[in-house]
């Protein structure tokens, strides 16, 4: 394979807001690892592409995008190639719970 034939995928920098870090601390260690691994795997490349587990949200106060990781939801924005994780919660039936409190989007 020649050098010109190679395609490189740009890696996006991922940053967590203070609120998102607190949201993660509310989870068990195993859950934290599950969520952080999924964030690194799914959002480091092409976080703006809609997939089965990623989707853009209707306008709201939290974020523009949602990543689904089993029962967890990760809310993020993309700004200048930086993925900013803004909130992490757990979906319980049709309710979203963040740090033990029900949250509406």
PDB file of N, CA and C in Angstrom:
ATOM      1  N   UNK A   1       0.848  -1.179   0.000  1.00  0.00           N
ATOM      2  CA  UNK A   1       0.000   0.000   0.000  1.00  0.00           C
ATOM      3  C   UNK A   1       0.887   1.234   0.000  1.00  0.00           C
ATOM      4  N   UNK A   2       0.569   2.134  -0.868  1.00  0.00           N
ATOM      5  CA  UNK A   2       1.325   3.385  -0.943  1.00  0.00           C
ATOM      6  C   UNK A   2       0.831   4.355   0.113  1.00  0.00           C
ATOM      7  N   UNK A   3       1.686   5.286   0.489  1.00  0.00           N
ATOM      8  CA  UNK A   3       1.348   6.297   1.495  1.00  0.00           C
ATOM      9  C   UNK A   3       0.107   7.077   1.098  1.00  0.00           C
ATOM     10  N   UNK A   4      -0.037   7.403  -0.194  1.00  0.00           N
ATOM     11  CA  UNK A   4      -1.179   8.203  -0.659  1.00  0.00           C
ATOM     12  C   UNK A   4      -2.498   7.462  -0.513  1.00  0.00           C
ATOM     13  N   UNK A   5      -2.439   6.128  -0.419  1.00  0.00           N
ATOM     14  CA  UNK A   5      -3.655   5.342  -0.309  1.00  0.00           C
ATOM     15  C   UNK A   5      -4.184   5.274   1.120  1.00  0.00           C
ATOM     16  N   UNK A   6      -3.363   5.655   2.072  1.00  0.00           N
ATOM     17  CA  UNK A   6      -3.781   5.593   3.468  1.00  0.00           C
ATOM     18  C   UNK A   6      -4.770   6.705   3.783  1.00  0.00           C
ATOM     19  N   UNK A   7      -5.759   6.389   4.570  1.00  0.00           N
ATOM     20  CA  UNK A   7      -6.678   7.428   5.043  1.00  0.00           C
ATOM     21  C   UNK A   7      -6.523   7.514   6.552  1.00  0.00           C
ATOM     22  N   UNK A   8      -6.417   8.717   7.034  1.00  0.00           N
ATOM     23  CA  UNK A   8      -6.252   8.949   8.460  1.00  0.00           C
ATOM     24  C   UNK A   8      -7.528   9.537   9.015  1.00  0.00           C
ATOM     25  N   UNK A   9      -7.947   9.039  10.139  1.00  0.00           N
ATOM     26  CA  UNK A   9      -9.140   9.551  10.797  1.00  0.00           C
ATOM     27  C   UNK A   9      -8.695  10.431  11.951  1.00  0.00           C
ATOM     28  N   UNK A  10      -9.148  11.653  11.923  1.00  0.00           N
ATOM     29  CA  UNK A  10      -8.766  12.598  12.973  1.00  0.00           C
ATOM     30  C   UNK A  10      -9.424  12.211  14.288  1.00  0.00           C
ATOM     31  N   UNK A  11      -8.649  12.219  15.335  1.00  0.00           N
ATOM     32  CA  UNK A  11      -9.158  11.925  16.668  1.00  0.00           C
ATOM     33  C   UNK A  11      -9.603  13.236  17.309  1.00  0.00           C
ATOM     34  N   UNK A  12     -10.767  13.221  17.877  1.00  0.00           N
ATOM     35  CA  UNK A  12     -11.273  14.399  18.571  1.00  0.00           C
ATOM     36  C   UNK A  12     -10.839  14.375  20.029  1.00  0.00           C
ATOM     37  N   UNK A  13     -10.565  15.549  20.551  1.00  0.00           N
ATOM     38  CA  UNK A  13     -10.259  15.660  21.977  1.00  0.00           C
ATOM     39  C   UNK A  13     -11.584  15.586  22.738  1.00  0.00           C
ATOM     40  N   UNK A  14     -11.570  14.898  23.861  1.00  0.00           N
ATOM     41  CA  UNK A  14     -12.767  14.743  24.681  1.00  0.00           C
ATOM     42  C   UNK A  14     -12.521  15.428  26.012  1.00  0.00           C
ATOM     43  N   UNK A  15     -13.437  16.324  26.381  1.00  0.00           N
ATOM     44  CA  UNK A  15     -13.345  17.035  27.661  1.00  0.00           C
ATOM     45  C   UNK A  15     -14.629  16.804  28.446  1.00  0.00           C
ATOM     46  N   UNK A  16     -14.486  16.713  29.757  1.00  0.00           N
ATOM     47  CA  UNK A  16     -15.635  16.542  30.643  1.00  0.00           C
ATOM     48  C   UNK A  16     -15.855  17.836  31.415  1.00  0.00           C
ATOM     49  N   UNK A  17     -17.106  18.282  31.496  1.00  0.00           N
ATOM     50  CA  UNK A  17     -17.413  19.431  32.343  1.00  0.00           C
ATOM     51  C   UNK A  17     -17.367  18.966  33.802  1.00  0.00           C
ATOM     52  N   UNK A  18     -17.310  19.925  34.722  1.00  0.00           N
ATOM     53  CA  UNK A  18     -17.323  19.578  36.149  1.00  0.00           C
ATOM     54  C   UNK A  18     -18.594  18.825  36.509  1.00  0.00           C
ATOM     55  N   UNK A  19     -19.728  19.238  35.936  1.00  0.00           N
ATOM     56  CA  UNK A  19     -20.990  18.545  36.213  1.00  0.00           C
ATOM     57  C   UNK A  19     -20.949  17.094  35.737  1.00  0.00           C
ATOM     58  N   UNK A  20     -20.377  16.860  34.560  1.00  0.00           N
ATOM     59  CA  UNK A  20     -20.294  15.502  34.028  1.00  0.00           C
ATOM     60  C   UNK A  20     -19.409  14.623  34.904  1.00  0.00           C
ATOM     61  N   UNK A  21     -18.325  15.189  35.426  1.00  0.00           N
ATOM     62  CA  UNK A  21     -17.449  14.437  36.325  1.00  0.00           C
ATOM     63  C   UNK A  21     -18.211  14.056  37.596  1.00  0.00           C
ATOM     64  N   UNK A  22     -18.989  14.994  38.124  1.00  0.00           N
ATOM     65  CA  UNK A  22     -19.805  14.688  39.306  1.00  0.00           C
ATOM     66  C   UNK A  22     -20.855  13.620  38.987  1.00  0.00           C
ATOM     67  N   UNK A  23     -21.432  13.691  37.788  1.00  0.00           N
ATOM     68  CA  UNK A  23     -22.409  12.678  37.377  1.00  0.00           C
ATOM     69  C   UNK A  23     -21.761  11.299  37.363  1.00  0.00           C
ATOM     70  N   UNK A  24     -20.543  11.210  36.828  1.00  0.00           N
ATOM     71  CA  UNK A  24     -19.826   9.937  36.780  1.00  0.00           C
ATOM     72  C   UNK A  24     -19.514   9.419  38.176  1.00  0.00           C
ATOM     73  N   UNK A  25     -19.145  10.299  39.083  1.00  0.00           N
ATOM     74  CA  UNK A  25     -18.820   9.891  40.463  1.00  0.00           C
ATOM     75  C   UNK A  25     -20.019   9.286  41.178  1.00  0.00           C
ATOM     76  N   UNK A  26     -21.207   9.613  40.719  1.00  0.00           N
ATOM     77  CA  UNK A  26     -22.418   9.091  41.328  1.00  0.00           C
ATOM     78  C   UNK A  26     -22.637   7.625  40.943  1.00  0.00           C
ATOM     79  N   UNK A  27     -21.965   7.169  39.868  1.00  0.00           N
ATOM     80  CA  UNK A  27     -22.109   5.795  39.396  1.00  0.00           C
ATOM     81  C   UNK A  27     -21.130   4.872  40.110  1.00  0.00           C
ATOM     82  N   UNK A  28     -21.420   3.574  40.071  1.00  0.00           N
ATOM     83  CA  UNK A  28     -20.501   2.571  40.598  1.00  0.00           C
ATOM     84  C   UNK A  28     -19.261   2.528  39.702  1.00  0.00           C
ATOM     85  N   UNK A  29     -18.140   2.049  40.238  1.00  0.00           N
ATOM     86  CA  UNK A  29     -16.876   2.016  39.490  1.00  0.00           C
ATOM     87  C   UNK A  29     -17.008   1.242  38.178  1.00  0.00           C
ATOM     88  N   UNK A  30     -17.658   0.100  38.195  1.00  0.00           N
ATOM     89  CA  UNK A  30     -17.833  -0.691  36.989  1.00  0.00           C
ATOM     90  C   UNK A  30     -18.644   0.085  35.946  1.00  0.00           C
ATOM     91  N   UNK A  31     -19.681   0.777  36.403  1.00  0.00           N
ATOM     92  CA  UNK A  31     -20.504   1.596  35.497  1.00  0.00           C
ATOM     93  C   UNK A  31     -19.692   2.756  34.935  1.00  0.00           C
ATOM     94  N   UNK A  32     -18.859   3.365  35.777  1.00  0.00           N
ATOM     95  CA  UNK A  32     -18.001   4.454  35.313  1.00  0.00           C
ATOM     96  C   UNK A  32     -17.105   3.974  34.177  1.00  0.00           C
ATOM     97  N   UNK A  33     -16.465   2.818  34.367  1.00  0.00           N
ATOM     98  CA  UNK A  33     -15.571   2.279  33.333  1.00  0.00           C
ATOM     99  C   UNK A  33     -16.332   1.986  32.050  1.00  0.00           C
ATOM    100  N   UNK A  34     -17.510   1.413  32.170  1.00  0.00           N
ATOM    101  CA  UNK A  34     -18.332   1.104  31.004  1.00  0.00           C
ATOM    102  C   UNK A  34     -18.629   2.376  30.208  1.00  0.00           C
ATOM    103  N   UNK A  35     -19.057   3.420  30.902  1.00  0.00           N
ATOM    104  CA  UNK A  35     -19.431   4.674  30.246  1.00  0.00           C
ATOM    105  C   UNK A  35     -18.205   5.368  29.635  1.00  0.00           C
ATOM    106  N   UNK A  36     -17.123   5.470  30.388  1.00  0.00           N
ATOM    107  CA  UNK A  36     -15.927   6.156  29.886  1.00  0.00           C
ATOM    108  C   UNK A  36     -15.325   5.402  28.703  1.00  0.00           C
ATOM    109  N   UNK A  37     -15.293   4.079  28.759  1.00  0.00           N
ATOM    110  CA  UNK A  37     -14.788   3.292  27.625  1.00  0.00           C
ATOM    111  C   UNK A  37     -15.632   3.536  26.377  1.00  0.00           C
ATOM    112  N   UNK A  38     -16.945   3.577  26.538  1.00  0.00           N
ATOM    113  CA  UNK A  38     -17.835   3.824  25.400  1.00  0.00           C
ATOM    114  C   UNK A  38     -17.628   5.229  24.843  1.00  0.00           C
ATOM    115  N   UNK A  39     -17.437   6.204  25.720  1.00  0.00           N
ATOM    116  CA  UNK A  39     -17.181   7.576  25.267  1.00  0.00           C
ATOM    117  C   UNK A  39     -15.914   7.618  24.430  1.00  0.00           C
ATOM    118  N   UNK A  40     -14.839   7.030  24.934  1.00  0.00           N
ATOM    119  CA  UNK A  40     -13.575   7.031  24.199  1.00  0.00           C
ATOM    120  C   UNK A  40     -13.697   6.294  22.874  1.00  0.00           C
ATOM    121  N   UNK A  41     -14.363   5.166  22.870  1.00  0.00           N
ATOM    122  CA  UNK A  41     -14.490   4.350  21.669  1.00  0.00           C
ATOM    123  C   UNK A  41     -15.411   4.993  20.628  1.00  0.00           C
ATOM    124  N   UNK A  42     -16.526   5.556  21.070  1.00  0.00           N
ATOM    125  CA  UNK A  42     -17.532   6.012  20.111  1.00  0.00           C
ATOM    126  C   UNK A  42     -17.456   7.494  19.765  1.00  0.00           C
ATOM    127  N   UNK A  43     -16.818   8.302  20.616  1.00  0.00           N
ATOM    128  CA  UNK A  43     -16.825   9.738  20.349  1.00  0.00           C
ATOM    129  C   UNK A  43     -15.473  10.304  19.937  1.00  0.00           C
ATOM    130  N   UNK A  44     -14.432   9.498  19.938  1.00  0.00           N
ATOM    131  CA  UNK A  44     -13.121  10.018  19.558  1.00  0.00           C
ATOM    132  C   UNK A  44     -13.014  10.226  18.046  1.00  0.00           C
ATOM    133  N   UNK A  45     -13.810   9.512  17.277  1.00  0.00           N
ATOM    134  CA  UNK A  45     -13.807   9.643  15.821  1.00  0.00           C
ATOM    135  C   UNK A  45     -15.251   9.835  15.347  1.00  0.00           C
ATOM    136  N   UNK A  46     -15.495  10.862  14.571  1.00  0.00           N
ATOM    137  CA  UNK A  46     -16.804  11.142  13.964  1.00  0.00           C
ATOM    138  C   UNK A  46     -17.959  11.198  14.959  1.00  0.00           C
ATOM    139  N   UNK A  47     -17.852  12.000  16.008  1.00  0.00           N
ATOM    140  CA  UNK A  47     -18.943  12.070  16.991  1.00  0.00           C
ATOM    141  C   UNK A  47     -20.204  12.732  16.448  1.00  0.00           C
ATOM    142  N   UNK A  48     -20.088  13.393  15.291  1.00  0.00           N
ATOM    143  CA  UNK A  48     -21.237  14.089  14.721  1.00  0.00           C
ATOM    144  C   UNK A  48     -22.040  13.218  13.763  1.00  0.00           C
ATOM    145  N   UNK A  49     -21.643  11.961  13.603  1.00  0.00           N
ATOM    146  CA  UNK A  49     -22.350  11.040  12.719  1.00  0.00           C
ATOM    147  C   UNK A  49     -23.392  10.276  13.524  1.00  0.00           C
ATOM    148  N   UNK A  50     -24.632  10.343  13.066  1.00  0.00           N
ATOM    149  CA  UNK A  50     -25.709   9.645  13.759  1.00  0.00           C
ATOM    150  C   UNK A  50     -25.562   8.142  13.546  1.00  0.00           C
ATOM    151  N   UNK A  51     -25.684   7.382  14.629  1.00  0.00           N
ATOM    152  CA  UNK A  51     -25.612   5.919  14.576  1.00  0.00           C
ATOM    153  C   UNK A  51     -26.759   5.341  15.405  1.00  0.00           C
ATOM    154  N   UNK A  52     -26.728   4.047  15.582  1.00  0.00           N
ATOM    155  CA  UNK A  52     -27.758   3.408  16.405  1.00  0.00           C
ATOM    156  C   UNK A  52     -27.714   3.918  17.843  1.00  0.00           C
ATOM    157  N   UNK A  53     -26.518   4.231  18.347  1.00  0.00           N
ATOM    158  CA  UNK A  53     -26.358   4.667  19.735  1.00  0.00           C
ATOM    159  C   UNK A  53     -26.109   6.160  19.895  1.00  0.00           C
ATOM    160  N   UNK A  54     -25.981   6.890  18.818  1.00  0.00           N
ATOM    161  CA  UNK A  54     -25.739   8.339  18.863  1.00  0.00           C
ATOM    162  C   UNK A  54     -26.821   9.044  18.067  1.00  0.00           C
ATOM    163  N   UNK A  55     -27.346  10.110  18.645  1.00  0.00           N
ATOM    164  CA  UNK A  55     -28.349  10.852  17.880  1.00  0.00           C
ATOM    165  C   UNK A  55     -28.359  12.317  18.287  1.00  0.00           C
ATOM    166  N   UNK A  56     -28.686  13.184  17.334  1.00  0.00           N
ATOM    167  CA  UNK A  56     -28.856  14.594  17.684  1.00  0.00           C
ATOM    168  C   UNK A  56     -30.177  14.756  18.431  1.00  0.00           C
ATOM    169  N   UNK A  57     -30.207  15.713  19.336  1.00  0.00           N
ATOM    170  CA  UNK A  57     -31.402  15.963  20.135  1.00  0.00           C
ATOM    171  C   UNK A  57     -32.132  17.203  19.651  1.00  0.00           C
ATOM    172  N   UNK A  58     -33.390  17.289  19.993  1.00  0.00           N
ATOM    173  CA  UNK A  58     -34.123  18.533  19.755  1.00  0.00           C
ATOM    174  C   UNK A  58     -33.485  19.611  20.623  1.00  0.00           C
ATOM    175  N   UNK A  59     -33.643  20.866  20.258  1.00  0.00           N
ATOM    176  CA  UNK A  59     -33.050  21.937  21.081  1.00  0.00           C
ATOM    177  C   UNK A  59     -33.488  21.826  22.540  1.00  0.00           C
ATOM    178  N   UNK A  60     -32.495  21.881  23.450  1.00  0.00           N
ATOM    179  CA  UNK A  60     -32.758  21.812  24.883  1.00  0.00           C
ATOM    180  C   UNK A  60     -31.630  22.525  25.616  1.00  0.00           C
ATOM    181  N   UNK A  61     -31.710  22.577  26.926  1.00  0.00           N
ATOM    182  CA  UNK A  61     -30.726  23.307  27.729  1.00  0.00           C
ATOM    183  C   UNK A  61     -29.457  22.518  28.010  1.00  0.00           C
ATOM    184  N   UNK A  62     -29.466  21.216  27.754  1.00  0.00           N
ATOM    185  CA  UNK A  62     -28.339  20.379  28.148  1.00  0.00           C
ATOM    186  C   UNK A  62     -27.313  20.227  27.039  1.00  0.00           C
ATOM    187  N   UNK A  63     -27.701  19.629  25.930  1.00  0.00           N
ATOM    188  CA  UNK A  63     -26.729  19.367  24.872  1.00  0.00           C
ATOM    189  C   UNK A  63     -27.420  19.164  23.538  1.00  0.00           C
ATOM    190  N   UNK A  64     -26.584  19.034  22.514  1.00  0.00           N
ATOM    191  CA  UNK A  64     -27.100  18.836  21.166  1.00  0.00           C
ATOM    192  C   UNK A  64     -27.106  17.360  20.768  1.00  0.00           C
ATOM    193  N   UNK A  65     -26.323  16.527  21.467  1.00  0.00           N
ATOM    194  CA  UNK A  65     -26.181  15.115  21.114  1.00  0.00           C
ATOM    195  C   UNK A  65     -26.352  14.210  22.326  1.00  0.00           C
ATOM    196  N   UNK A  66     -26.770  12.958  22.044  1.00  0.00           N
ATOM    197  CA  UNK A  66     -26.905  11.938  23.081  1.00  0.00           C
ATOM    198  C   UNK A  66     -26.219  10.662  22.604  1.00  0.00           C
ATOM    199  N   UNK A  67     -25.458  10.048  23.514  1.00  0.00           N
ATOM    200  CA  UNK A  67     -24.861   8.735  23.282  1.00  0.00           C
ATOM    201  C   UNK A  67     -25.519   7.759  24.229  1.00  0.00           C
ATOM    202  N   UNK A  68     -26.009   6.646  23.697  1.00  0.00           N
ATOM    203  CA  UNK A  68     -26.648   5.622  24.515  1.00  0.00           C
ATOM    204  C   UNK A  68     -25.636   4.523  24.819  1.00  0.00           C
ATOM    205  N   UNK A  69     -25.451   4.238  26.107  1.00  0.00           N
ATOM    206  CA  UNK A  69     -24.553   3.172  26.562  1.00  0.00           C
ATOM    207  C   UNK A  69     -25.367   2.304  27.519  1.00  0.00           C
ATOM    208  N   UNK A  70     -25.937   1.223  26.986  1.00  0.00           N
ATOM    209  CA  UNK A  70     -26.852   0.379  27.764  1.00  0.00           C
ATOM    210  C   UNK A  70     -27.938   1.265  28.383  1.00  0.00           C
ATOM    211  N   UNK A  71     -28.077   1.265  29.706  1.00  0.00           N
ATOM    212  CA  UNK A  71     -29.112   2.073  30.355  1.00  0.00           C
ATOM    213  C   UNK A  71     -28.658   3.508  30.604  1.00  0.00           C
ATOM    214  N   UNK A  72     -27.430   3.835  30.248  1.00  0.00           N
ATOM    215  CA  UNK A  72     -26.881   5.168  30.515  1.00  0.00           C
ATOM    216  C   UNK A  72     -27.014   6.067  29.291  1.00  0.00           C
ATOM    217  N   UNK A  73     -27.080   7.364  29.567  1.00  0.00           N
ATOM    218  CA  UNK A  73     -27.126   8.353  28.503  1.00  0.00           C
ATOM    219  C   UNK A  73     -26.029   9.378  28.763  1.00  0.00           C
ATOM    220  N   UNK A  74     -25.268   9.669  27.718  1.00  0.00           N
ATOM    221  CA  UNK A  74     -24.193  10.655  27.785  1.00  0.00           C
ATOM    222  C   UNK A  74     -24.605  11.802  26.882  1.00  0.00           C
ATOM    223  N   UNK A  75     -24.619  13.004  27.418  1.00  0.00           N
ATOM    224  CA  UNK A  75     -25.031  14.180  26.669  1.00  0.00           C
ATOM    225  C   UNK A  75     -23.799  15.019  26.364  1.00  0.00           C
ATOM    226  N   UNK A  76     -23.650  15.385  25.082  1.00  0.00           N
ATOM    227  CA  UNK A  76     -22.426  16.077  24.680  1.00  0.00           C
ATOM    228  C   UNK A  76     -22.689  17.075  23.564  1.00  0.00           C
ATOM    229  N   UNK A  77     -21.757  18.015  23.441  1.00  0.00           N
ATOM    230  CA  UNK A  77     -21.727  18.979  22.349  1.00  0.00           C
ATOM    231  C   UNK A  77     -20.398  18.835  21.630  1.00  0.00           C
ATOM    232  N   UNK A  78     -20.347  19.297  20.405  1.00  0.00           N
ATOM    233  CA  UNK A  78     -19.119  19.284  19.624  1.00  0.00           C
ATOM    234  C   UNK A  78     -18.815  20.721  19.238  1.00  0.00           C
ATOM    235  N   UNK A  79     -17.643  21.202  19.642  1.00  0.00           N
ATOM    236  CA  UNK A  79     -17.251  22.589  19.349  1.00  0.00           C
ATOM    237  C   UNK A  79     -15.803  22.608  18.903  1.00  0.00           C
ATOM    238  N   UNK A  80     -15.558  23.024  17.670  1.00  0.00           N
ATOM    239  CA  UNK A  80     -14.198  23.154  17.133  1.00  0.00           C
ATOM    240  C   UNK A  80     -13.372  21.885  17.318  1.00  0.00           C
ATOM    241  N   UNK A  81     -13.936  20.741  16.991  1.00  0.00           N
ATOM    242  CA  UNK A  81     -13.216  19.477  17.093  1.00  0.00           C
ATOM    243  C   UNK A  81     -13.064  18.945  18.495  1.00  0.00           C
ATOM    244  N   UNK A  82     -13.699  19.582  19.469  1.00  0.00           N
ATOM    245  CA  UNK A  82     -13.641  19.124  20.860  1.00  0.00           C
ATOM    246  C   UNK A  82     -15.016  18.584  21.241  1.00  0.00           C
ATOM    247  N   UNK A  83     -15.038  17.368  21.755  1.00  0.00           N
ATOM    248  CA  UNK A  83     -16.274  16.773  22.260  1.00  0.00           C
ATOM    249  C   UNK A  83     -16.351  17.111  23.739  1.00  0.00           C
ATOM    250  N   UNK A  84     -17.361  17.858  24.122  1.00  0.00           N
ATOM    251  CA  UNK A  84     -17.514  18.292  25.506  1.00  0.00           C
ATOM    252  C   UNK A  84     -18.659  17.508  26.138  1.00  0.00           C
ATOM    253  N   UNK A  85     -18.309  16.614  27.084  1.00  0.00           N
ATOM    254  CA  UNK A  85     -19.307  15.808  27.784  1.00  0.00           C
ATOM    255  C   UNK A  85     -19.934  16.699  28.851  1.00  0.00           C
ATOM    256  N   UNK A  86     -21.252  16.856  28.776  1.00  0.00           N
ATOM    257  CA  UNK A  86     -21.930  17.805  29.656  1.00  0.00           C
ATOM    258  C   UNK A  86     -22.725  17.147  30.780  1.00  0.00           C
ATOM    259  N   UNK A  87     -23.223  15.921  30.558  1.00  0.00           N
ATOM    260  CA  UNK A  87     -24.005  15.239  31.588  1.00  0.00           C
ATOM    261  C   UNK A  87     -24.017  13.746  31.315  1.00  0.00           C
ATOM    262  N   UNK A  88     -24.161  12.969  32.387  1.00  0.00           N
ATOM    263  CA  UNK A  88     -24.265  11.516  32.292  1.00  0.00           C
ATOM    264  C   UNK A  88     -25.398  11.091  33.218  1.00  0.00           C
ATOM    265  N   UNK A  89     -26.326  10.310  32.686  1.00  0.00           N
ATOM    266  CA  UNK A  89     -27.447   9.867  33.507  1.00  0.00           C
ATOM    267  C   UNK A  89     -27.842   8.443  33.178  1.00  0.00           C
ATOM    268  N   UNK A  90     -28.843   7.967  33.878  1.00  0.00           N
ATOM    269  CA  UNK A  90     -29.348   6.604  33.678  1.00  0.00           C
ATOM    270  C   UNK A  90     -30.807   6.706  33.239  1.00  0.00           C
ATOM    271  N   UNK A  91     -31.136   5.963  32.217  1.00  0.00           N
ATOM    272  CA  UNK A  91     -32.510   5.915  31.743  1.00  0.00           C
ATOM    273  C   UNK A  91     -33.220   4.791  32.480  1.00  0.00           C
ATOM    274  N   UNK A  92     -34.292   5.117  33.182  1.00  0.00           N
ATOM    275  CA  UNK A  92     -35.105   4.137  33.895  1.00  0.00           C
ATOM    276  C   UNK A  92     -36.511   4.209  33.323  1.00  0.00           C
ATOM    277  N   UNK A  93     -36.822   3.248  32.471  1.00  0.00           N
ATOM    278  CA  UNK A  93     -38.075   3.233  31.721  1.00  0.00           C
ATOM    279  C   UNK A  93     -38.154   4.504  30.887  1.00  0.00           C
ATOM    280  N   UNK A  94     -39.093   5.396  31.149  1.00  0.00           N
ATOM    281  CA  UNK A  94     -39.174   6.627  30.364  1.00  0.00           C
ATOM    282  C   UNK A  94     -38.703   7.839  31.169  1.00  0.00           C
ATOM    283  N   UNK A  95     -37.899   7.597  32.208  1.00  0.00           N
ATOM    284  CA  UNK A  95     -37.362   8.678  33.045  1.00  0.00           C
ATOM    285  C   UNK A  95     -35.851   8.735  32.898  1.00  0.00           C
ATOM    286  N   UNK A  96     -35.311   9.930  32.947  1.00  0.00           N
ATOM    287  CA  UNK A  96     -33.862  10.114  32.969  1.00  0.00           C
ATOM    288  C   UNK A  96     -33.484  10.545  34.375  1.00  0.00           C
ATOM    289  N   UNK A  97     -32.547   9.824  34.995  1.00  0.00           N
ATOM    290  CA  UNK A  97     -32.122  10.122  36.358  1.00  0.00           C
ATOM    291  C   UNK A  97     -30.648  10.510  36.327  1.00  0.00           C
ATOM    292  N   UNK A  98     -30.357  11.713  36.821  1.00  0.00           N
ATOM    293  CA  UNK A  98     -28.984  12.207  36.913  1.00  0.00           C
ATOM    294  C   UNK A  98     -28.714  12.527  38.376  1.00  0.00           C
ATOM    295  N   UNK A  99     -27.688  11.886  38.934  1.00  0.00           N
ATOM    296  CA  UNK A  99     -27.324  12.037  40.357  1.00  0.00           C
ATOM    297  C   UNK A  99     -28.509  11.821  41.290  1.00  0.00           C
ATOM    298  N   UNK A 100     -29.332  10.841  40.975  1.00  0.00           N
ATOM    299  CA  UNK A 100     -30.446  10.476  41.848  1.00  0.00           C
ATOM    300  C   UNK A 100     -31.689  11.317  41.675  1.00  0.00           C
ATOM    301  N   UNK A 101     -31.656  12.297  40.785  1.00  0.00           N
ATOM    302  CA  UNK A 101     -32.828  13.164  40.580  1.00  0.00           C
ATOM    303  C   UNK A 101     -33.362  13.007  39.164  1.00  0.00           C
ATOM    304  N   UNK A 102     -34.684  13.010  39.051  1.00  0.00           N
ATOM    305  CA  UNK A 102     -35.296  12.921  37.730  1.00  0.00           C
ATOM    306  C   UNK A 102     -35.045  14.217  36.970  1.00  0.00           C
ATOM    307  N   UNK A 103     -34.745  14.070  35.693  1.00  0.00           N
ATOM    308  CA  UNK A 103     -34.388  15.216  34.868  1.00  0.00           C
ATOM    309  C   UNK A 103     -35.205  15.171  33.584  1.00  0.00           C
ATOM    310  N   UNK A 104     -35.695  16.304  33.163  1.00  0.00           N
ATOM    311  CA  UNK A 104     -36.462  16.414  31.936  1.00  0.00           C
ATOM    312  C   UNK A 104     -35.640  17.093  30.857  1.00  0.00           C
ATOM    313  N   UNK A 105     -35.692  16.562  29.656  1.00  0.00           N
ATOM    314  CA  UNK A 105     -35.018  17.204  28.524  1.00  0.00           C
ATOM    315  C   UNK A 105     -36.022  17.965  27.701  1.00  0.00           C
TER     316      UNK A 105
END
